[in-house]
Amino acid sequence: MPVVGVGVDVCDVERLRAALERTPALAARLFVGGELGLPVESLAARFAAKEALAKALGAPAGMDWHDAEVVPLPSGQPAFELRGTVLAVADRLGVRATHLSLSHDAGIATAFVVLEG
């Protein structure tokens, strides 16, 4: 399958922690479902994943953060569950498969996304 898009992003864990403490409603604007209530390191990785996904899709306007949820596969590997605005963009681009890698170390969370058509 051809590569449709690639995206990478990083998130400073302490900066996200401070933002969430300063603005408690921010978590509900950025995260959904099983993402809520995770440790801040995991939230930072998921925030980076959503940013990397947006970049891989060409960063179109109008996508809702809640329409891309990071969920664990039975193997534990992270994956995206796409719906709504994000799924519409992915469908328009011919995305057939998404690949996601997450990591966090030394206060930085990183996400890498590859989209295949």
Protein backbone atom coordinates (compact mmCIF):
# COMPACT_ATOMS: atom_id res chain seq x y z
CA MET A 1 0.00 0.00 0.00
CA PRO A 2 1.30 3.50 -0.77
CA VAL A 3 2.09 5.94 2.00
CA VAL A 4 -0.56 8.69 2.12
CA GLY A 5 0.96 10.71 4.95
CA VAL A 6 3.56 10.78 7.72
CA GLY A 7 3.48 12.87 10.88
CA VAL A 8 5.58 13.22 14.00
CA ASP A 9 5.13 15.37 17.08
CA VAL A 10 6.57 15.82 20.57
CA CYS A 11 4.99 17.13 23.76
CA ASP A 12 6.72 18.39 26.89
CA VAL A 13 5.11 16.43 29.74
CA GLU A 14 5.56 19.16 32.37
CA ARG A 15 4.18 21.83 30.06
CA LEU A 16 1.04 19.73 29.48
CA ARG A 17 0.77 19.02 33.23
CA ALA A 18 0.90 22.76 33.97
CA ALA A 19 -1.69 23.52 31.28
CA LEU A 20 -4.06 20.86 32.67
CA GLU A 21 -3.63 22.19 36.23
CA ARG A 22 -4.15 25.78 35.08
CA THR A 23 -7.19 24.92 32.94
CA PRO A 24 -8.88 21.74 34.25
CA ALA A 25 -11.50 21.77 31.45
CA LEU A 26 -8.68 21.38 28.90
CA ALA A 27 -8.55 17.60 29.41
CA ALA A 28 -12.19 17.22 28.31
CA ARG A 29 -11.50 19.36 25.21
CA LEU A 30 -8.47 17.31 24.13
CA PHE A 31 -9.20 13.77 25.25
CA VAL A 32 -12.11 11.34 25.11
CA GLY A 33 -13.20 7.94 26.40
CA GLY A 34 -10.42 5.76 27.74
CA GLU A 35 -7.88 8.56 27.34
CA LEU A 36 -9.39 10.53 30.23
CA GLY A 37 -7.87 9.72 33.60
CA LEU A 38 -4.57 8.40 32.25
CA PRO A 39 -1.27 9.58 33.77
CA VAL A 40 0.03 12.84 32.34
CA GLU A 41 2.87 11.06 30.50
CA SER A 42 0.29 8.99 28.62
CA LEU A 43 -1.85 12.05 27.95
CA ALA A 44 1.18 13.86 26.54
CA ALA A 45 1.86 10.93 24.21
CA ARG A 46 -1.78 10.96 23.08
CA PHE A 47 -1.71 14.71 22.51
CA ALA A 48 1.43 14.25 20.40
CA ALA A 49 -0.33 11.41 18.53
CA LYS A 50 -3.29 13.63 17.62
CA GLU A 51 -0.94 16.37 16.44
CA ALA A 52 1.10 13.87 14.40
CA LEU A 53 -2.10 12.49 12.88
CA ALA A 54 -3.24 15.99 11.92
CA LYS A 55 0.13 16.58 10.22
CA ALA A 56 -0.08 13.26 8.38
CA LEU A 57 -3.55 14.24 7.12
CA GLY A 58 -2.24 17.61 5.87
CA ALA A 59 -3.51 19.61 8.88
CA PRO A 60 -6.91 20.54 7.43
CA ALA A 61 -9.05 22.96 9.41
CA GLY A 62 -12.18 21.81 11.20
CA MET A 63 -11.06 18.51 12.68
CA ASP A 64 -12.36 17.75 16.20
CA TRP A 65 -9.87 16.32 18.76
CA HIS A 66 -12.57 13.91 19.97
CA ASP A 67 -12.78 12.33 16.52
CA ALA A 68 -9.35 10.67 16.94
CA GLU A 69 -9.02 8.49 20.02
CA VAL A 70 -5.89 6.52 20.88
CA VAL A 71 -6.95 3.04 21.99
CA PRO A 72 -4.92 -0.04 22.89
CA LEU A 73 -5.17 -3.09 20.66
CA PRO A 74 -5.46 -6.48 22.44
CA SER A 75 -1.68 -6.77 22.01
CA GLY A 76 -1.21 -3.48 23.91
CA GLN A 77 -0.04 -1.66 20.78
CA PRO A 78 -1.59 1.81 20.42
CA ALA A 79 -3.97 2.47 17.54
CA PHE A 80 -6.34 5.20 16.41
CA GLU A 81 -10.09 4.96 16.45
CA LEU A 82 -11.19 7.52 13.86
CA ARG A 83 -14.69 8.95 13.52
CA GLY A 84 -16.53 12.07 12.41
CA THR A 85 -14.43 14.91 11.04
CA VAL A 86 -11.12 13.01 11.16
CA LEU A 87 -12.56 9.90 9.51
CA ALA A 88 -14.04 12.06 6.74
CA VAL A 89 -10.61 13.55 5.94
CA ALA A 90 -8.94 10.13 6.08
CA ASP A 91 -11.57 8.67 3.75
CA ARG A 92 -11.19 11.58 1.31
CA LEU A 93 -7.43 10.93 1.18
CA GLY A 94 -7.93 7.20 0.69
CA VAL A 95 -6.42 6.13 4.02
CA ARG A 96 -6.85 2.38 4.50
CA ALA A 97 -4.49 1.79 7.44
CA THR A 98 -2.99 3.87 10.25
CA HIS A 99 0.20 3.04 12.13
CA LEU A 100 1.03 4.70 15.45
CA SER A 101 4.08 4.56 17.69
CA LEU A 102 4.21 6.31 21.09
CA SER A 103 7.07 6.88 23.51
CA HIS A 104 7.88 9.04 26.51
CA ASP A 105 11.18 9.51 28.26
CA ALA A 106 13.08 12.29 30.03
CA GLY A 107 9.98 14.51 30.15
CA ILE A 108 9.21 14.36 26.42
CA ALA A 109 6.43 12.36 24.77
CA THR A 110 6.77 11.49 21.09
CA ALA A 111 4.34 10.11 18.52
CA PHE A 112 4.95 8.91 14.98
CA VAL A 113 2.12 8.26 12.50
CA VAL A 114 2.14 6.62 9.08
CA LEU A 115 -0.98 6.54 6.93
CA GLU A 116 -1.32 4.01 4.12
CA GLY A 117 -3.71 4.12 1.19
